[in-house]
Protein backbone atom coordinates (compact mmCIF):
# COMPACT_ATOMS: atom_id res chain seq x y z
CA MET A 1 0.00 0.00 0.00
CA TRP A 2 1.15 3.52 -0.77
CA SER A 3 1.27 6.07 2.05
CA TYR A 4 -0.31 9.46 1.48
CA TYR A 5 1.86 12.50 2.25
CA PRO A 6 -0.08 15.55 1.05
CA GLU A 7 2.75 17.99 1.74
CA LEU A 8 4.94 16.18 -0.80
CA LEU A 9 2.23 16.43 -3.47
CA ALA A 10 1.34 20.07 -2.90
CA LYS A 11 3.57 21.52 -5.61
CA PRO A 12 2.59 20.92 -9.27
CA VAL A 13 5.36 19.26 -11.27
CA PRO A 14 6.06 18.44 -14.93
CA ARG A 15 5.26 15.09 -16.49
CA TYR A 16 8.87 15.05 -17.66
CA THR A 17 8.35 13.71 -21.14
CA SER A 18 11.47 15.78 -21.86
CA TYR A 19 14.11 17.78 -20.09
CA PRO A 20 14.16 20.72 -20.31
CA THR A 21 10.37 20.73 -20.37
CA ALA A 22 8.26 22.64 -22.89
CA ALA A 23 7.94 25.41 -20.29
CA ALA A 24 11.54 26.34 -21.15
CA PHE A 25 10.90 26.67 -24.89
CA SER A 26 11.46 30.07 -26.51
CA ASP A 27 11.61 31.60 -29.97
CA ALA A 28 15.41 31.64 -29.70
CA VAL A 29 15.14 28.30 -31.52
CA GLY A 30 13.84 28.41 -35.08
CA PRO A 31 13.87 26.69 -38.49
CA THR A 32 17.63 27.07 -38.98
CA ASP A 33 18.35 25.21 -35.75
CA PHE A 34 15.96 22.41 -36.68
CA ALA A 35 17.45 22.12 -40.18
CA SER A 36 20.98 21.90 -38.74
CA ALA A 37 19.94 19.16 -36.32
CA LEU A 38 18.30 17.20 -39.15
CA GLU A 39 21.35 17.48 -41.36
CA GLY A 40 23.73 16.36 -38.64
CA ALA A 41 21.68 13.46 -37.27
CA ALA A 42 22.46 9.80 -37.82
CA GLY A 43 21.24 6.38 -36.74
CA ASP A 44 17.82 5.06 -35.83
CA ALA A 45 15.03 7.61 -35.50
CA SER A 46 11.26 7.82 -35.14
CA LEU A 47 8.62 9.93 -36.82
CA TYR A 48 5.61 11.47 -35.08
CA LEU A 49 2.73 12.99 -37.07
CA HIS A 50 0.21 15.23 -35.35
CA ILE A 51 -3.39 15.39 -36.58
CA PRO A 52 -4.92 18.35 -34.67
CA PHE A 53 -8.56 17.48 -35.28
CA CYS A 54 -11.38 15.52 -33.65
CA ARG A 55 -14.89 14.87 -34.90
CA LYS A 56 -16.00 16.27 -31.53
CA VAL A 57 -13.73 17.91 -28.95
CA CYS A 58 -14.09 16.68 -25.35
CA TRP A 59 -14.20 19.19 -22.52
CA TYR A 60 -11.38 17.66 -20.47
CA CYS A 61 -8.84 17.51 -23.29
CA GLY A 62 -5.61 19.49 -23.05
CA CYS A 63 -4.28 18.40 -26.43
CA ASN A 64 -3.68 20.74 -29.35
CA THR A 65 -6.85 19.91 -31.25
CA SER A 66 -10.07 21.40 -32.60
CA ALA A 67 -13.26 20.19 -34.24
CA ALA A 68 -12.63 18.93 -37.78
CA GLY A 69 -15.57 20.94 -39.12
CA ARG A 70 -15.38 21.69 -42.81
CA THR A 71 -13.75 19.11 -45.07
CA SER A 72 -11.82 21.88 -46.79
CA ARG A 73 -10.13 22.78 -43.49
CA VAL A 74 -8.81 19.26 -42.99
CA ASP A 75 -7.80 19.01 -46.64
CA ALA A 76 -5.80 22.25 -46.40
CA TYR A 77 -4.01 20.99 -43.30
CA LEU A 78 -3.11 17.69 -44.95
CA ASP A 79 -1.77 19.55 -48.00
CA ALA A 80 0.50 21.48 -45.63
CA LEU A 81 1.54 18.27 -43.88
CA HIS A 82 2.50 16.68 -47.20
CA SER A 83 4.58 19.77 -47.98
CA GLU A 84 6.33 19.61 -44.61
CA ILE A 85 7.09 15.92 -45.10
CA ALA A 86 8.89 16.80 -48.35
CA LEU A 87 10.75 19.74 -46.76
CA VAL A 88 11.97 17.67 -43.82
CA ALA A 89 12.99 14.76 -46.05
CA GLU A 90 15.07 17.11 -48.21
CA ARG A 91 17.04 18.28 -45.17
CA ALA A 92 17.27 15.02 -43.25
CA SER A 93 20.63 13.30 -43.22
CA PRO A 94 20.81 10.17 -45.41
CA ASP A 95 22.25 8.46 -42.33
CA LEU A 96 18.90 8.67 -40.53
CA ARG A 97 16.90 5.44 -40.50
CA PHE A 98 13.24 5.85 -39.52
CA HIS A 99 11.99 2.61 -38.01
CA SER A 100 8.95 3.75 -36.02
CA ILE A 101 5.99 5.91 -37.13
CA ALA A 102 3.40 7.21 -34.66
CA PHE A 103 0.19 9.13 -35.40
CA GLY A 104 -1.32 11.21 -32.61
CA GLY A 105 -3.58 14.16 -32.06
CA GLY A 106 -6.35 15.06 -31.68
CA SER A 107 -7.72 11.97 -33.28
CA PRO A 108 -5.95 10.69 -36.40
CA ASN A 109 -9.20 9.02 -37.45
CA ALA A 110 -10.70 12.50 -37.86
CA ILE A 111 -9.21 12.20 -41.35
CA SER A 112 -10.40 9.54 -43.79
CA PRO A 113 -8.72 6.14 -44.22
CA ILE A 114 -7.77 7.13 -47.78
CA GLN A 115 -6.06 10.28 -46.51
CA PHE A 116 -4.24 8.20 -43.91
CA VAL A 117 -2.97 5.73 -46.53
CA ARG A 118 -1.81 8.60 -48.74
CA LEU A 119 0.25 9.96 -45.84
CA ILE A 120 1.82 6.53 -45.33
CA ASP A 121 2.64 6.31 -49.04
CA ARG A 122 4.23 9.75 -48.94
CA LEU A 123 6.33 8.89 -45.90
CA THR A 124 7.43 5.60 -47.43
CA VAL A 125 8.61 7.23 -50.64
CA VAL A 126 10.41 10.31 -49.30
CA PHE A 127 12.02 8.69 -46.26
CA GLY A 128 12.72 5.30 -47.82
CA LEU A 129 10.96 3.43 -45.03
CA VAL A 130 11.80 -0.25 -44.69
CA ASP A 131 9.35 -2.32 -42.61
CA PRO A 132 8.69 0.30 -39.92
CA ALA A 133 6.45 -0.21 -36.88
CA PHE A 134 3.23 1.83 -37.06
CA SER A 135 1.16 3.03 -34.13
CA ILE A 136 -1.93 5.23 -34.01
CA GLU A 137 -4.23 6.92 -31.49
CA LEU A 138 -7.93 6.44 -32.22
CA ASP A 139 -11.27 7.78 -31.04
CA PRO A 140 -13.71 4.83 -30.80
CA ARG A 141 -16.69 7.17 -31.26
CA SER A 142 -15.69 7.90 -34.85
CA LEU A 143 -13.79 4.75 -35.79
CA ASP A 144 -15.70 3.66 -38.88
CA GLU A 145 -15.53 0.09 -40.15
CA ASP A 146 -13.72 1.16 -43.33
CA TRP A 147 -10.66 1.95 -41.21
CA GLY A 148 -10.09 -1.78 -40.69
CA PRO A 149 -8.84 -2.68 -44.19
CA SER A 150 -6.64 0.43 -44.29
CA LEU A 151 -4.98 -0.33 -40.97
CA MET A 152 -4.41 -3.92 -42.07
CA ALA A 153 -2.99 -2.87 -45.45
CA VAL A 154 -0.54 -0.45 -43.83
CA GLY A 155 0.43 -2.98 -41.18
CA VAL A 156 -0.49 -1.02 -38.06
CA SER A 157 0.33 -3.29 -35.13
CA ARG A 158 -0.17 -0.87 -32.21
CA ALA A 159 -3.16 1.28 -31.43
CA SER A 160 -4.44 3.31 -28.51
CA LEU A 161 -8.12 3.93 -27.78
CA GLY A 162 -9.25 7.01 -25.87
CA VAL A 163 -11.67 5.38 -23.43
CA GLN A 164 -11.27 7.48 -20.23
CA THR A 165 -14.31 5.94 -18.48
CA PHE A 166 -17.15 3.54 -19.16
CA SER A 167 -19.54 5.39 -16.83
CA PRO A 168 -22.32 7.21 -18.78
CA ALA A 169 -22.67 9.81 -16.01
CA LEU A 170 -18.95 10.58 -16.01
CA GLN A 171 -18.87 10.65 -19.80
CA ALA A 172 -21.59 13.30 -19.71
CA ALA A 173 -19.65 15.26 -17.08
CA ILE A 174 -16.57 15.52 -19.32
CA GLY A 175 -18.32 15.89 -22.67
CA ARG A 176 -17.38 12.49 -24.09
CA ILE A 177 -20.43 10.31 -24.67
CA GLN A 178 -19.39 6.89 -25.99
CA PRO A 179 -21.53 3.85 -25.21
CA GLY A 180 -19.70 0.72 -24.15
CA PHE A 181 -20.68 -1.07 -27.35
CA SER A 182 -18.68 1.46 -29.41
CA ILE A 183 -15.53 0.58 -27.46
CA GLU A 184 -16.26 -3.15 -27.80
CA ARG A 185 -16.85 -2.75 -31.54
CA ALA A 186 -13.62 -0.77 -31.98
CA THR A 187 -11.66 -3.37 -30.02
CA GLY A 188 -12.96 -6.22 -32.14
CA MET A 189 -12.31 -4.38 -35.38
CA LEU A 190 -8.73 -3.52 -34.41
CA ARG A 191 -7.96 -7.10 -33.44
CA LYS A 192 -9.27 -8.34 -36.81
CA SER A 193 -7.13 -5.69 -38.52
CA GLY A 194 -3.90 -7.06 -37.06
CA VAL A 195 -3.37 -4.86 -34.01
CA THR A 196 -1.39 -6.96 -31.54
CA SER A 197 -0.72 -4.29 -28.90
CA LEU A 198 -3.84 -2.36 -27.92
CA ASN A 199 -3.77 0.38 -25.29
CA PHE A 200 -6.72 1.84 -23.39
CA ASP A 201 -6.40 5.35 -21.97
CA LEU A 202 -8.31 5.62 -18.68
CA MET A 203 -8.67 8.51 -16.23
CA TYR A 204 -9.14 9.00 -12.51
CA GLY A 205 -9.97 12.24 -10.70
CA LEU A 206 -13.01 12.95 -12.89
CA PRO A 207 -15.93 15.03 -11.54
CA GLY A 208 -18.15 12.86 -9.36
CA GLN A 209 -15.99 9.76 -9.91
CA THR A 210 -15.94 7.08 -7.21
CA LEU A 211 -13.75 4.06 -6.63
CA GLU A 212 -16.67 1.93 -7.80
CA ASP A 213 -16.74 3.85 -11.11
CA LEU A 214 -13.02 3.31 -11.54
CA GLN A 215 -13.24 -0.40 -10.72
CA ASP A 216 -16.03 -0.87 -13.27
CA SER A 217 -13.90 0.75 -16.00
CA LEU A 218 -10.90 -1.35 -15.02
CA ASP A 219 -12.97 -4.54 -14.96
CA ARG A 220 -14.33 -3.88 -18.44
CA THR A 221 -10.94 -2.89 -19.79
CA VAL A 222 -9.34 -6.11 -18.54
CA ALA A 223 -12.28 -8.14 -19.89
CA LEU A 224 -11.76 -6.60 -23.34
CA GLY A 225 -8.15 -7.76 -23.26
CA ALA A 226 -6.24 -4.47 -23.37
CA ASP A 227 -2.52 -5.18 -23.74
CA ARG A 228 -1.57 -1.81 -22.28
CA ILE A 229 -3.37 0.56 -19.95
CA ALA A 230 -2.52 4.19 -19.23
CA LEU A 231 -4.26 5.36 -16.05
CA PHE A 232 -3.92 9.15 -16.01
CA GLY A 233 -5.02 11.64 -13.40
CA TYR A 234 -7.27 14.30 -14.89
CA ALA A 235 -5.47 17.67 -14.90
CA HIS A 236 -8.01 20.45 -14.32
CA LEU A 237 -6.48 23.68 -15.64
CA PRO A 238 -9.45 25.82 -16.74
CA GLN A 239 -7.41 29.04 -16.68
CA GLN A 240 -5.18 27.61 -19.40
CA ILE A 241 -7.63 25.33 -21.22
CA ALA A 242 -10.87 27.18 -21.94
CA ARG A 243 -12.90 24.10 -22.84
CA GLN A 244 -12.40 22.74 -19.30
CA ARG A 245 -14.52 25.57 -17.92
CA ARG A 246 -17.56 23.49 -18.90
CA ILE A 247 -16.55 20.91 -16.26
CA ASP A 248 -17.91 21.34 -12.74
CA GLY A 249 -14.77 21.94 -10.71
CA SER A 250 -16.69 21.67 -7.43
CA ALA A 251 -17.43 18.00 -8.18
CA LEU A 252 -13.77 16.99 -8.61
CA PRO A 253 -12.30 14.50 -6.12
CA ASP A 254 -9.82 16.06 -3.71
CA GLN A 255 -6.13 15.20 -3.66
CA GLN A 256 -6.51 12.40 -1.12
CA GLN A 257 -9.31 10.80 -3.15
CA ARG A 258 -7.19 11.06 -6.30
CA PHE A 259 -4.32 9.37 -4.48
CA ALA A 260 -6.63 6.57 -3.34
CA MET A 261 -7.83 6.06 -6.93
CA ALA A 262 -4.30 5.88 -8.29
CA ALA A 263 -3.31 3.40 -5.57
CA PHE A 264 -6.43 1.30 -6.15
CA GLY A 265 -5.83 1.19 -9.90
CA TYR A 266 -2.21 0.17 -9.40
CA ASP A 267 -3.06 -2.67 -7.02
CA PHE A 268 -6.00 -3.83 -9.14
CA LEU A 269 -4.00 -4.10 -12.36
CA VAL A 270 -0.98 -5.71 -10.74
CA ASP A 271 -3.34 -8.29 -9.21
CA GLU A 272 -4.72 -8.89 -12.72
CA GLY A 273 -1.22 -9.78 -13.92
CA TYR A 274 -0.20 -6.52 -15.56
CA ILE A 275 3.40 -5.32 -15.26
CA PRO A 276 3.62 -1.77 -13.84
CA VAL A 277 5.42 0.73 -16.05
CA GLY A 278 6.08 3.70 -13.82
CA PHE A 279 3.11 4.23 -11.50
CA ASP A 280 0.39 4.99 -14.05
CA HIS A 281 1.09 2.68 -17.02
CA PHE A 282 0.64 -1.09 -17.19
CA ALA A 283 1.25 -3.80 -19.77
CA ARG A 284 0.65 -7.52 -20.07
CA PRO A 285 3.80 -9.62 -19.58
CA GLY A 286 4.23 -10.49 -23.26
CA ASP A 287 3.82 -6.93 -24.51
CA PRO A 288 6.99 -5.16 -25.74
CA LEU A 289 6.43 -2.33 -23.23
CA ALA A 290 6.35 -4.77 -20.31
CA GLN A 291 9.44 -6.52 -21.63
CA ALA A 292 11.28 -3.19 -21.87
CA ALA A 293 10.32 -2.35 -18.28
CA GLN A 294 11.50 -5.74 -17.02
CA ASN A 295 14.73 -5.72 -19.05
CA GLY A 296 15.74 -2.19 -18.06
CA ASN A 297 15.29 -0.87 -21.61
CA LEU A 298 12.30 1.38 -20.97
CA ARG A 299 12.54 4.90 -22.41
CA ARG A 300 10.46 8.07 -22.14
CA ASN A 301 9.73 10.66 -24.82
CA PHE A 302 6.95 13.05 -25.80
CA GLN A 303 4.58 10.12 -26.36
CA GLY A 304 5.25 8.89 -22.81
CA PHE A 305 6.80 5.55 -21.83
CA THR A 306 8.07 3.59 -24.81
CA GLU A 307 10.21 0.63 -25.79
CA ASP A 308 11.60 2.73 -28.67
CA GLN A 309 15.36 3.10 -28.14
CA SER A 310 15.80 6.05 -30.51
CA ASP A 311 17.41 9.23 -29.25
CA ILE A 312 15.88 11.12 -32.18
CA VAL A 313 12.21 11.82 -32.83
CA VAL A 314 11.18 14.01 -35.75
CA GLY A 315 7.79 15.65 -35.28
CA LEU A 316 5.59 16.62 -38.21
CA GLY A 317 2.42 18.71 -38.08
CA ALA A 318 1.19 21.65 -36.03
CA SER A 319 2.61 21.69 -32.45
CA ALA A 320 4.69 18.53 -33.08
CA ILE A 321 7.98 18.42 -31.16
CA SER A 322 11.24 17.05 -32.53
CA SER A 323 13.84 15.74 -30.13
CA PHE A 324 17.59 15.49 -30.72
CA PRO A 325 20.30 15.02 -28.08
CA GLU A 326 21.30 18.68 -28.45
CA LEU A 327 17.96 20.27 -29.41
CA LEU A 328 14.21 20.26 -28.79
CA ALA A 329 12.22 22.03 -31.50
CA GLN A 330 8.47 22.58 -31.74
CA ASN A 331 6.34 23.46 -34.74
CA ASP A 332 3.90 26.37 -34.60
CA LYS A 333 0.85 25.37 -32.56
CA ASN A 334 -1.54 27.47 -34.64
CA THR A 335 -2.77 25.41 -37.59
CA GLY A 336 -3.31 28.52 -39.72
CA ARG A 337 0.25 29.75 -39.29
CA TYR A 338 1.53 26.20 -39.72
CA ARG A 339 -0.27 25.93 -43.06
CA MET A 340 1.13 29.29 -44.20
CA ARG A 341 4.70 28.28 -43.40
CA ALA A 342 4.47 24.88 -45.02
CA GLY A 343 2.67 26.35 -48.02
CA ALA A 344 5.53 28.82 -48.44
CA LYS A 345 8.03 25.92 -48.39
CA GLN A 346 9.34 26.93 -44.97
CA LEU A 347 10.03 24.71 -41.98
CA ALA A 348 7.40 25.34 -39.31
CA THR A 349 9.65 25.45 -36.23
CA SER A 350 8.53 28.28 -33.93
CA CYS A 351 10.25 27.57 -30.59
CA GLY A 352 12.40 25.15 -28.65
CA VAL A 353 15.50 24.92 -26.51
CA ARG A 354 19.14 24.03 -27.10
CA ARG A 355 20.27 21.32 -24.70
CA THR A 356 23.53 21.98 -22.95
CA PRO A 357 25.72 19.11 -21.72
CA ARG A 358 24.23 19.71 -18.27
CA ASP A 359 20.70 19.51 -19.72
CA GLN A 360 21.54 16.24 -21.44
CA ALA A 361 22.97 14.81 -18.23
CA MET A 362 19.90 15.87 -16.23
CA ALA A 363 17.63 14.45 -18.94
CA ARG A 364 19.30 11.05 -18.50
CA VAL A 365 18.88 11.26 -14.73
CA VAL A 366 15.17 12.11 -14.98
CA GLU A 367 14.52 9.44 -17.60
CA THR A 368 16.21 6.66 -15.64
CA LEU A 369 14.48 7.73 -12.42
CA LEU A 370 11.06 7.51 -14.06
CA CYS A 371 11.80 4.42 -16.16
CA GLN A 372 14.04 2.32 -13.91
CA GLY A 373 13.34 3.88 -10.52
CA ALA A 374 17.01 4.68 -10.01
CA ALA A 375 19.67 6.99 -11.37
CA VAL A 376 23.44 7.18 -11.25
CA LEU A 377 24.64 10.69 -10.40
CA ASP A 378 27.72 12.35 -11.92
CA ALA A 379 29.00 13.26 -8.46
CA PRO A 380 28.31 12.27 -4.85
CA PRO A 381 25.19 13.98 -3.47
CA GLY A 382 25.94 17.51 -2.28
CA PRO A 383 24.34 19.42 0.62
CA GLN A 384 21.57 20.87 -1.54
CA LEU A 385 20.45 17.53 -2.96
CA ILE A 386 20.59 15.93 0.48
CA ALA A 387 18.42 18.75 1.83
CA ASN A 388 15.98 18.40 -1.06
CA MET A 389 15.72 14.66 -0.50
CA ARG A 390 15.39 14.79 3.30
CA PRO A 391 11.53 14.66 3.35
CA TYR A 392 11.65 11.61 1.08
CA LEU A 393 14.50 9.95 2.96
CA GLU A 394 12.73 10.38 6.30
CA ARG A 395 9.62 8.66 4.94
CA GLY A 396 11.51 5.80 3.31
CA LEU A 397 10.56 6.86 -0.22
CA VAL A 398 14.14 7.04 -1.55
CA ASP A 399 17.60 5.69 -0.81
CA LEU A 400 20.53 8.02 -1.44
CA THR A 401 24.02 6.57 -1.89
CA ALA A 402 27.38 7.92 -3.02
CA GLU A 403 26.62 6.58 -6.51
CA GLY A 404 23.04 7.62 -6.98
CA LEU A 405 19.39 7.71 -6.05
CA ILE A 406 16.92 4.82 -5.75
CA ILE A 407 13.15 5.21 -5.51
CA THR A 408 11.75 2.59 -3.13
CA PRO A 409 8.47 0.77 -3.97
CA SER A 410 6.57 3.04 -1.57
CA GLY A 411 8.07 6.09 -3.29
CA LEU A 412 6.70 5.16 -6.73
CA PRO A 413 3.75 7.61 -6.74
CA TYR A 414 6.14 10.41 -5.78
CA ALA A 415 8.54 9.73 -8.69
CA ARG A 416 7.84 12.99 -10.54
CA CYS A 417 8.14 14.97 -7.30
CA ILE A 418 11.48 13.30 -6.58
CA ALA A 419 12.73 14.05 -10.09
CA ALA A 420 11.73 17.69 -9.62
CA GLN A 421 13.80 17.87 -6.43
CA VAL A 422 16.82 16.42 -8.21
CA ILE A 423 16.49 19.03 -10.96
CA ALA A 424 15.50 21.76 -8.47
CA ASP A 425 14.98 24.47 -11.09
CA LEU A 426 11.20 24.79 -11.37
CA PRO A 427 9.81 28.32 -11.82
CA GLU A 428 8.50 30.12 -8.76
CA ASN A 429 4.87 29.68 -9.82
CA PRO A 430 4.70 26.20 -11.39
CA ALA A 431 0.90 26.07 -10.96
CA ARG A 432 0.65 28.19 -14.09
CA ARG A 433 2.42 25.55 -16.18
CA PHE A 434 2.22 22.14 -14.54
CA SER A 435 -0.37 19.76 -13.11
CA ALA A 436 -0.83 17.79 -9.90
CA ALA A 437 1.74 15.06 -9.37
CA ILE A 438 -0.97 12.42 -8.94
């Protein structure tokens, strides 16, 4: 059982899908920096394509997305995306080998299956793809049956369904009505289409949610055979995300209730045979993500925990982030400006951060802490780190040695808080940028 220490969870912290985090991005990084990184890169790399549209936008969502609306709007965006693909391919080093392709959003199935296949064809031709692994995020509410043959033809083996909750009352509270049969239908269709690793995204901390609601969603998820489960805490940030203002903040569970839900979900899924990946992801023993966690090969990037060993991710589309050892670069978030840049044959990079040697070292520390629960430090712990760790040491949540830092099993839910104390460079008012740790 996890112990609840509210004082250690009081300060919002990053999710640490990168270091430095996106909060450090500035317009000091632009297209020239991105082009230089592309030209100098070599080895295995991954591609990420962002589709910033949904058939219907949910109130809770913090993603860069909007309602698909007019067909012409989606078509114009895809034209720009095809142009960017060509621009990036022209500048990419011939020594880059793209072995993994991920589609996210938004909801990639907001476009048509034909448009999806055309994107795959374009990527295959310009990047010279050879038997890459494909993954895609999907909205079961709008996953039409004609997607099945397209996914099978492309060879998509990994998919993620945005489920969040099976409770009709909670679905209404967050603006995401999707009857259970739509999730069951989507699951069956994806299995028939060759998807061998299927993830369900679930949420705790929803308005009016109880442990019974959470258990029901977990029961049904396990019964449907999900290979992976991401159990996220809902981040309520209505000052930053306008659509969340439609959610009744007074009905949200408090921090202690959220902690109890996270702990319950962890114990439930471990009892069901899932391997924990961090404290909020789970995978069946035979799944590649579980194997990576057990073998010490787990990694973390802007898509979250992954078995992908690449140090380079090239992001395509509005708001997509590219990651190189020495650079993080993000495309313009505004789809209109993105289209204008791509249409003018310009790279769409609008911000980012150059990673110093110290940044790269800290990035490795944070990644290994979150992925392996331990990190080797470049030097013995100094007075400041010891002081930062004292509240965690006193509660048995970490072990600190001359070589490094180890998160104990009881410290698992505090992993992001511990990482933040190791970095110790959060802004004075992190509540404006980050979410609750659990």
